[in-house]
Amino acid sequence: MKLIIAVVYVVSIAYVHVRGQVRHKLGRQLSDHSTFLAPINCFLYLFSKIPNKPFLDPADFPDLSPLQAHWEEIRAEGQSLLHSGAIKRSNQYDDLGFNSFFKSGWKRFYLKWYGDSHPSAMKLCPRTTELVQGIGSIKAAMFAELPPGSRLVRHRDPYAGSYRYHLGLETPNATGCYINVDGQNYHWRDGEAVMFDETYIHYAENTTQQNRIILFCDVERPMRYRWAAAFNRWFSRNIMSAAGAPNEVGDRTGGLNRLFSKIYMIRLRGKELKKRNRKLYYLEKWSIFAGLLVVFILL
C-alpha cells in the first residue's frame, strides 16, 4: 500500500510539473504547495468537463453573466471600499492563502471564502454580495487591488477545484497592467471578464501609474460526473473553507488560518535564515523533507 501511495504521488507530481509550457525549477516544484495536493488535483484534471487549458471562454459560464451585466454597480461599491480604506493589506499572520502577496503591494477585501459571505461584506457592499451569493458556482470572491508598481511573483494556486474569474472594474486599460498565465498575457479592461486556470504558473504586474481594481472569484470547476463533483464540493466545504481570512472583527477565520497564525513565527525564522545563509537554509529545509519521508517509510 505504501508503494502504491508513493507511486501515485510521484506520478502526480511529475504531471503537475510538466503540465503547461511554463514550469518551476524542479527544486521549487518539490517544495511547492501544489505538490502536496498533486494527487487530488490530477483527479480533478482527469474528470474535468472542460479541457485543460490556461485561458477559458467566460461565455462557457453563463451563470456568471449577471456580474458583467451589473459591473458598474459592482465598481461603485469597490470604489467606495477603496476610498474608505477597506481594501487593504492584511497582517501576514491571518491570511494563509495570500499572505505572500502583501509584500508586493497587493490588497484585498473578501466577500466570501468557500462558505457564507462575511458580515463586513454584507454591510459595506450589499449589492455585490447579493450578486455573488446568487450564483451557486462562486465559491470565493473578493475585491482585489494592484496599485502602480505592484507585482505578484510566478506561482501556482494549490487547488484545482476551481477556475479564476476576473472582472475589470477600475483598470488602466493598458498592456502595462496585465496577468501572464502559462506564458500568455492578458491585460484587464473595464467591464470585461477573463477566466483562467490558476493552477498553471501565472504572475501579474502593474507597470502603469494607474490603480487596478477587479472583482476576483473562484468558480467551481465543472466535472463530468456527479460523484466527482460531489467530491470537489466536499473538499471545498471542509478543507478550502478552513483557509478563510477576515476583513475585520466579526468575520469568520478558518481553522487552518488560526493554526497558521501560531506557526508563522517558524516561517519568519526560515526567511531570516535564508537571508543570512542560503546554503544552511536549504540544508535545513531538505533535511526536514527527508525526515518526513523516512517517517512515512517507517510507519
Protein backbone atom coordinates (compact mmCIF):
# COMPACT_ATOMS: atom_id res chain seq x y z
CA MET A 1 0.00 0.00 0.00
CA LYS A 2 2.84 2.41 0.84
CA LEU A 3 4.44 1.67 -2.51
CA ILE A 4 1.16 2.36 -4.33
CA ILE A 5 0.72 5.66 -2.47
CA ALA A 6 4.32 6.63 -3.24
CA VAL A 7 3.93 5.81 -6.95
CA VAL A 8 0.66 7.76 -7.18
CA TYR A 9 2.33 10.77 -5.55
CA VAL A 10 5.42 10.65 -7.77
CA VAL A 11 3.39 10.31 -10.98
CA SER A 12 1.01 13.08 -9.90
CA ILE A 13 3.85 15.45 -9.02
CA ALA A 14 5.52 14.73 -12.34
CA TYR A 15 2.32 15.52 -14.23
CA VAL A 16 1.74 18.76 -12.32
CA HIS A 17 5.34 19.76 -13.04
CA VAL A 18 5.25 19.18 -16.82
CA ARG A 19 1.70 20.45 -17.32
CA GLY A 20 1.78 23.64 -19.36
CA GLN A 21 4.53 25.50 -21.19
CA VAL A 22 5.97 27.30 -18.15
CA ARG A 23 7.45 25.30 -15.27
CA HIS A 24 9.09 25.87 -11.93
CA LYS A 25 12.61 24.63 -11.37
CA LEU A 26 12.45 21.09 -10.03
CA GLY A 27 13.59 22.08 -6.54
CA ARG A 28 10.92 24.77 -6.32
CA GLN A 29 8.24 22.38 -7.56
CA LEU A 30 9.11 19.71 -4.99
CA SER A 31 8.52 22.13 -2.12
CA ASP A 32 5.62 23.99 -3.71
CA HIS A 33 2.18 23.72 -2.09
CA SER A 34 0.75 22.37 -5.37
CA THR A 35 2.94 19.30 -4.87
CA PHE A 36 1.16 18.30 -1.66
CA LEU A 37 -2.24 18.35 -3.39
CA ALA A 38 -0.94 16.82 -6.64
CA PRO A 39 -2.93 13.53 -6.45
CA ILE A 40 -6.19 15.38 -5.73
CA ASN A 41 -5.52 17.90 -8.49
CA CYS A 42 -4.75 15.14 -11.01
CA PHE A 43 -8.07 13.52 -10.12
CA LEU A 44 -9.81 16.84 -10.83
CA TYR A 45 -7.95 17.33 -14.11
CA LEU A 46 -8.86 13.79 -15.20
CA PHE A 47 -12.60 14.22 -14.67
CA SER A 48 -12.88 17.89 -15.64
CA LYS A 49 -15.72 18.63 -18.04
CA ILE A 50 -13.75 21.45 -19.68
CA PRO A 51 -10.47 20.62 -21.48
CA ASN A 52 -7.33 21.67 -19.62
CA LYS A 53 -6.02 24.96 -20.98
CA PRO A 54 -4.72 28.20 -19.44
CA PHE A 55 -7.48 30.58 -20.54
CA LEU A 56 -11.18 29.74 -20.85
CA ASP A 57 -14.11 31.46 -22.52
CA PRO A 58 -16.31 33.25 -19.96
CA ALA A 59 -19.27 32.54 -22.29
CA ASP A 60 -18.98 28.88 -21.22
CA PHE A 61 -20.08 30.01 -17.73
CA PRO A 62 -23.41 31.73 -18.43
CA ASP A 63 -24.41 31.75 -14.77
CA LEU A 64 -21.72 34.42 -14.23
CA SER A 65 -23.30 36.83 -16.74
CA PRO A 66 -25.12 38.90 -14.05
CA LEU A 67 -21.74 40.07 -12.77
CA GLN A 68 -20.75 41.58 -16.10
CA ALA A 69 -24.25 42.94 -16.65
CA HIS A 70 -24.03 44.85 -13.36
CA TRP A 71 -20.32 45.63 -13.42
CA GLU A 72 -20.82 49.37 -12.92
CA GLU A 73 -22.78 48.79 -9.70
CA ILE A 74 -20.03 46.45 -8.52
CA ARG A 75 -17.40 49.04 -9.46
CA ALA A 76 -19.18 51.73 -7.45
CA GLU A 77 -19.08 49.57 -4.32
CA GLY A 78 -15.44 48.65 -4.98
CA GLN A 79 -14.50 52.33 -5.33
CA SER A 80 -16.34 53.12 -2.11
CA LEU A 81 -14.39 50.42 -0.29
CA LEU A 82 -11.13 51.75 -1.77
CA HIS A 83 -11.81 55.33 -0.67
CA SER A 84 -12.72 54.20 2.85
CA GLY A 85 -9.53 52.14 3.14
CA ALA A 86 -11.38 48.82 3.42
CA ILE A 87 -9.44 47.24 0.53
CA LYS A 88 -6.20 46.74 2.35
CA ARG A 89 -3.25 44.55 3.19
CA SER A 90 -3.85 42.03 5.92
CA ASN A 91 -1.29 41.30 8.57
CA GLN A 92 0.71 38.27 7.47
CA TYR A 93 -0.45 36.17 10.39
CA ASP A 94 -4.09 35.67 9.44
CA ASP A 95 -4.19 35.07 5.69
CA LEU A 96 -2.73 31.69 4.81
CA GLY A 97 -3.81 31.80 1.16
CA PHE A 98 -2.42 35.19 0.16
CA ASN A 99 -0.01 36.33 2.85
CA SER A 100 3.00 36.34 0.49
CA PHE A 101 1.25 38.79 -1.88
CA PHE A 102 1.02 41.63 0.63
CA LYS A 103 4.74 42.40 0.49
CA SER A 104 4.42 43.38 -3.19
CA GLY A 105 1.55 45.83 -2.66
CA TRP A 106 -1.46 43.63 -3.45
CA LYS A 107 -4.57 44.34 -1.34
CA ARG A 108 -7.97 42.69 -0.94
CA PHE A 109 -11.42 42.77 0.63
CA TYR A 110 -13.15 39.40 0.98
CA LEU A 111 -16.79 38.96 0.05
CA LYS A 112 -16.81 35.23 0.88
CA TRP A 113 -14.42 32.32 1.13
CA TYR A 114 -15.80 28.82 0.45
CA GLY A 115 -18.79 29.43 2.67
CA ASP A 116 -21.18 32.19 3.64
CA SER A 117 -20.50 35.85 2.95
CA HIS A 118 -18.55 37.84 5.53
CA PRO A 119 -20.74 40.12 7.69
CA SER A 120 -18.45 43.03 6.78
CA ALA A 121 -19.16 42.43 3.08
CA MET A 122 -22.92 42.33 3.59
CA LYS A 123 -22.66 45.64 5.46
CA LEU A 124 -20.24 47.52 3.21
CA CYS A 125 -21.05 46.19 -0.28
CA PRO A 126 -24.56 44.68 -0.15
CA ARG A 127 -25.26 44.77 -3.90
CA THR A 128 -22.08 42.93 -4.88
CA THR A 129 -22.61 40.45 -2.06
CA GLU A 130 -26.16 39.83 -3.27
CA LEU A 131 -24.97 39.19 -6.83
CA VAL A 132 -22.20 36.84 -5.71
CA GLN A 133 -24.46 34.93 -3.33
CA GLY A 134 -26.99 34.48 -6.12
CA ILE A 135 -24.53 32.42 -8.20
CA GLY A 136 -24.02 28.97 -6.68
CA SER A 137 -20.86 28.15 -8.62
CA ILE A 138 -18.93 31.01 -6.97
CA LYS A 139 -17.07 29.56 -4.02
CA ALA A 140 -14.96 32.58 -3.09
CA ALA A 141 -14.92 36.24 -4.06
CA MET A 142 -13.12 39.45 -3.21
CA PHE A 143 -12.21 42.88 -4.47
CA ALA A 144 -8.50 42.85 -5.34
CA GLU A 145 -6.30 45.91 -5.83
CA LEU A 146 -2.97 46.02 -7.69
CA PRO A 147 -1.53 49.52 -7.19
CA PRO A 148 1.00 51.12 -9.56
CA GLY A 149 4.37 49.37 -9.38
CA SER A 150 2.99 46.21 -7.76
CA ARG A 151 3.92 42.74 -8.94
CA LEU A 152 2.90 39.20 -8.00
CA VAL A 153 5.64 36.62 -8.47
CA ARG A 154 5.28 33.44 -10.52
CA HIS A 155 3.19 30.87 -8.69
CA ARG A 156 0.58 28.15 -8.98
CA ASP A 157 -2.51 28.10 -6.81
CA PRO A 158 -2.60 24.84 -4.82
CA TYR A 159 -6.12 23.56 -5.56
CA ALA A 160 -7.57 22.67 -8.97
CA GLY A 161 -11.20 22.50 -7.86
CA SER A 162 -11.96 25.98 -9.19
CA TYR A 163 -11.24 28.37 -12.03
CA ARG A 164 -10.33 32.01 -11.53
CA TYR A 165 -12.66 34.77 -12.78
CA HIS A 166 -11.55 38.40 -13.00
CA LEU A 167 -13.93 41.24 -13.85
CA GLY A 168 -12.23 44.55 -14.64
CA LEU A 169 -13.71 47.40 -12.59
CA GLU A 170 -11.21 50.25 -12.45
CA THR A 171 -8.19 49.41 -14.57
CA PRO A 172 -5.53 51.24 -16.62
CA ASN A 173 -6.99 49.54 -19.74
CA ALA A 174 -3.40 49.21 -20.92
CA THR A 175 -0.94 46.45 -21.74
CA GLY A 176 1.30 47.56 -18.87
CA CYS A 177 -1.18 46.19 -16.33
CA TYR A 178 -1.50 42.51 -17.06
CA ILE A 179 -1.57 38.91 -15.92
CA ASN A 180 0.52 36.22 -17.58
CA VAL A 181 -0.83 32.65 -17.45
CA ASP A 182 1.41 29.88 -18.78
CA GLY A 183 3.30 32.39 -20.92
CA GLN A 184 0.22 34.18 -22.33
CA ASN A 185 -0.52 37.83 -21.46
CA TYR A 186 -3.91 39.38 -20.81
CA HIS A 187 -4.41 43.00 -19.73
CA TRP A 188 -7.50 43.93 -17.75
CA ARG A 189 -10.18 46.18 -19.21
CA ASP A 190 -13.08 47.93 -17.51
CA GLY A 191 -16.27 45.85 -17.69
CA GLU A 192 -14.53 42.87 -19.31
CA ALA A 193 -14.27 39.39 -17.78
CA VAL A 194 -11.46 36.87 -18.11
CA MET A 195 -11.35 33.22 -16.95
CA PHE A 196 -8.22 31.16 -16.42
CA ASP A 197 -6.95 28.05 -14.69
CA GLU A 198 -4.96 29.30 -11.71
CA THR A 199 -3.06 26.01 -11.35
CA TYR A 200 -0.98 26.96 -14.38
CA ILE A 201 2.00 29.10 -13.42
CA HIS A 202 1.00 32.76 -13.54
CA TYR A 203 2.09 36.20 -12.37
CA ALA A 204 0.73 39.75 -12.53
CA GLU A 205 2.23 43.20 -12.81
CA ASN A 206 1.09 46.81 -12.94
CA THR A 207 3.78 48.95 -14.56
CA THR A 208 1.41 51.88 -15.16
CA GLN A 209 0.71 54.92 -12.99
CA GLN A 210 -2.97 53.97 -12.53
CA ASN A 211 -4.55 51.72 -9.95
CA ARG A 212 -6.25 48.41 -10.80
CA ILE A 213 -9.34 47.06 -9.03
CA ILE A 214 -11.07 43.86 -10.08
CA LEU A 215 -13.73 41.50 -8.81
CA PHE A 216 -11.90 38.23 -8.19
CA CYS A 217 -13.87 34.96 -7.92
CA ASP A 218 -13.12 31.27 -7.54
CA VAL A 219 -15.66 29.42 -9.68
CA GLU A 220 -16.30 25.71 -9.22
CA ARG A 221 -14.66 23.54 -11.87
CA PRO A 222 -17.41 21.66 -13.80
CA MET A 223 -16.90 17.90 -13.55
CA ARG A 224 -18.02 15.16 -15.93
CA TYR A 225 -19.66 13.01 -13.25
CA ARG A 226 -21.84 13.79 -10.26
CA TRP A 227 -19.69 11.77 -7.88
CA ALA A 228 -16.59 13.71 -8.97
CA ALA A 229 -18.44 17.00 -8.48
CA ALA A 230 -19.61 15.79 -5.06
CA PHE A 231 -16.01 15.12 -4.01
CA ASN A 232 -14.92 18.55 -5.24
CA ARG A 233 -17.68 20.22 -3.21
CA TRP A 234 -16.86 18.16 -0.14
CA PHE A 235 -13.19 19.15 -0.34
CA SER A 236 -14.07 22.81 -0.88
CA ARG A 237 -16.53 22.84 2.02
CA ASN A 238 -14.30 21.03 4.51
CA ILE A 239 -10.72 21.87 3.53
CA MET A 240 -10.63 25.05 1.47
CA SER A 241 -13.04 26.83 3.80
CA ALA A 242 -10.54 26.30 6.63
CA ALA A 243 -8.24 28.85 4.94
CA GLY A 244 -10.81 31.64 5.33
CA ALA A 245 -9.47 35.03 6.50
CA PRO A 246 -11.35 38.02 7.94
CA ASN A 247 -11.67 41.60 6.75
CA GLU A 248 -12.41 42.81 10.27
CA VAL A 249 -13.52 41.61 13.69
CA GLY A 250 -16.72 39.57 13.37
CA ASP A 251 -15.76 37.84 10.11
CA ARG A 252 -15.06 34.12 10.20
CA THR A 253 -11.46 32.89 10.41
CA GLY A 254 -10.90 29.31 9.23
CA GLY A 255 -9.17 26.66 11.33
CA LEU A 256 -6.12 26.45 9.06
CA ASN A 257 -5.66 30.20 9.35
CA ARG A 258 -5.88 30.04 13.13
CA LEU A 259 -3.20 27.34 13.10
CA PHE A 260 -1.15 29.30 10.56
CA SER A 261 -1.06 32.33 12.84
CA LYS A 262 0.54 30.18 15.55
CA ILE A 263 3.26 28.65 13.38
CA TYR A 264 4.06 31.72 11.28
CA MET A 265 7.00 32.55 13.54
CA ILE A 266 8.69 29.41 12.23
CA ARG A 267 8.31 30.69 8.70
CA LEU A 268 9.72 34.09 9.67
CA ARG A 269 12.72 32.33 11.20
CA GLY A 270 13.22 30.47 7.91
CA LYS A 271 13.11 33.72 5.92
CA GLU A 272 15.70 35.31 8.19
CA LEU A 273 17.94 32.25 7.89
CA LYS A 274 17.62 32.35 4.08
CA LYS A 275 18.81 35.97 4.06
CA ARG A 276 21.81 35.17 6.25
CA ASN A 277 22.86 31.78 4.90
CA ARG A 278 21.09 30.30 1.88
CA LYS A 279 23.10 27.07 1.97
CA LEU A 280 22.16 26.40 5.60
CA TYR A 281 18.54 27.31 4.88
CA TYR A 282 18.27 24.78 2.05
CA LEU A 283 20.16 22.15 4.06
CA GLU A 284 17.68 22.53 6.90
CA LYS A 285 14.69 22.62 4.54
CA TRP A 286 15.59 19.44 2.68
CA SER A 287 16.57 17.69 5.90
CA ILE A 288 13.04 18.26 7.16
CA PHE A 289 11.56 16.83 3.96
CA ALA A 290 13.91 13.85 4.15
CA GLY A 291 12.89 13.27 7.74
CA LEU A 292 9.22 13.28 6.81
CA LEU A 293 9.94 10.78 4.04
CA VAL A 294 11.73 8.49 6.49
CA VAL A 295 8.79 8.69 8.91
CA PHE A 296 6.41 7.75 6.07
CA ILE A 297 8.57 4.76 5.14
CA LEU A 298 8.91 3.51 8.72
CA LEU A 299 5.27 3.88 9.74
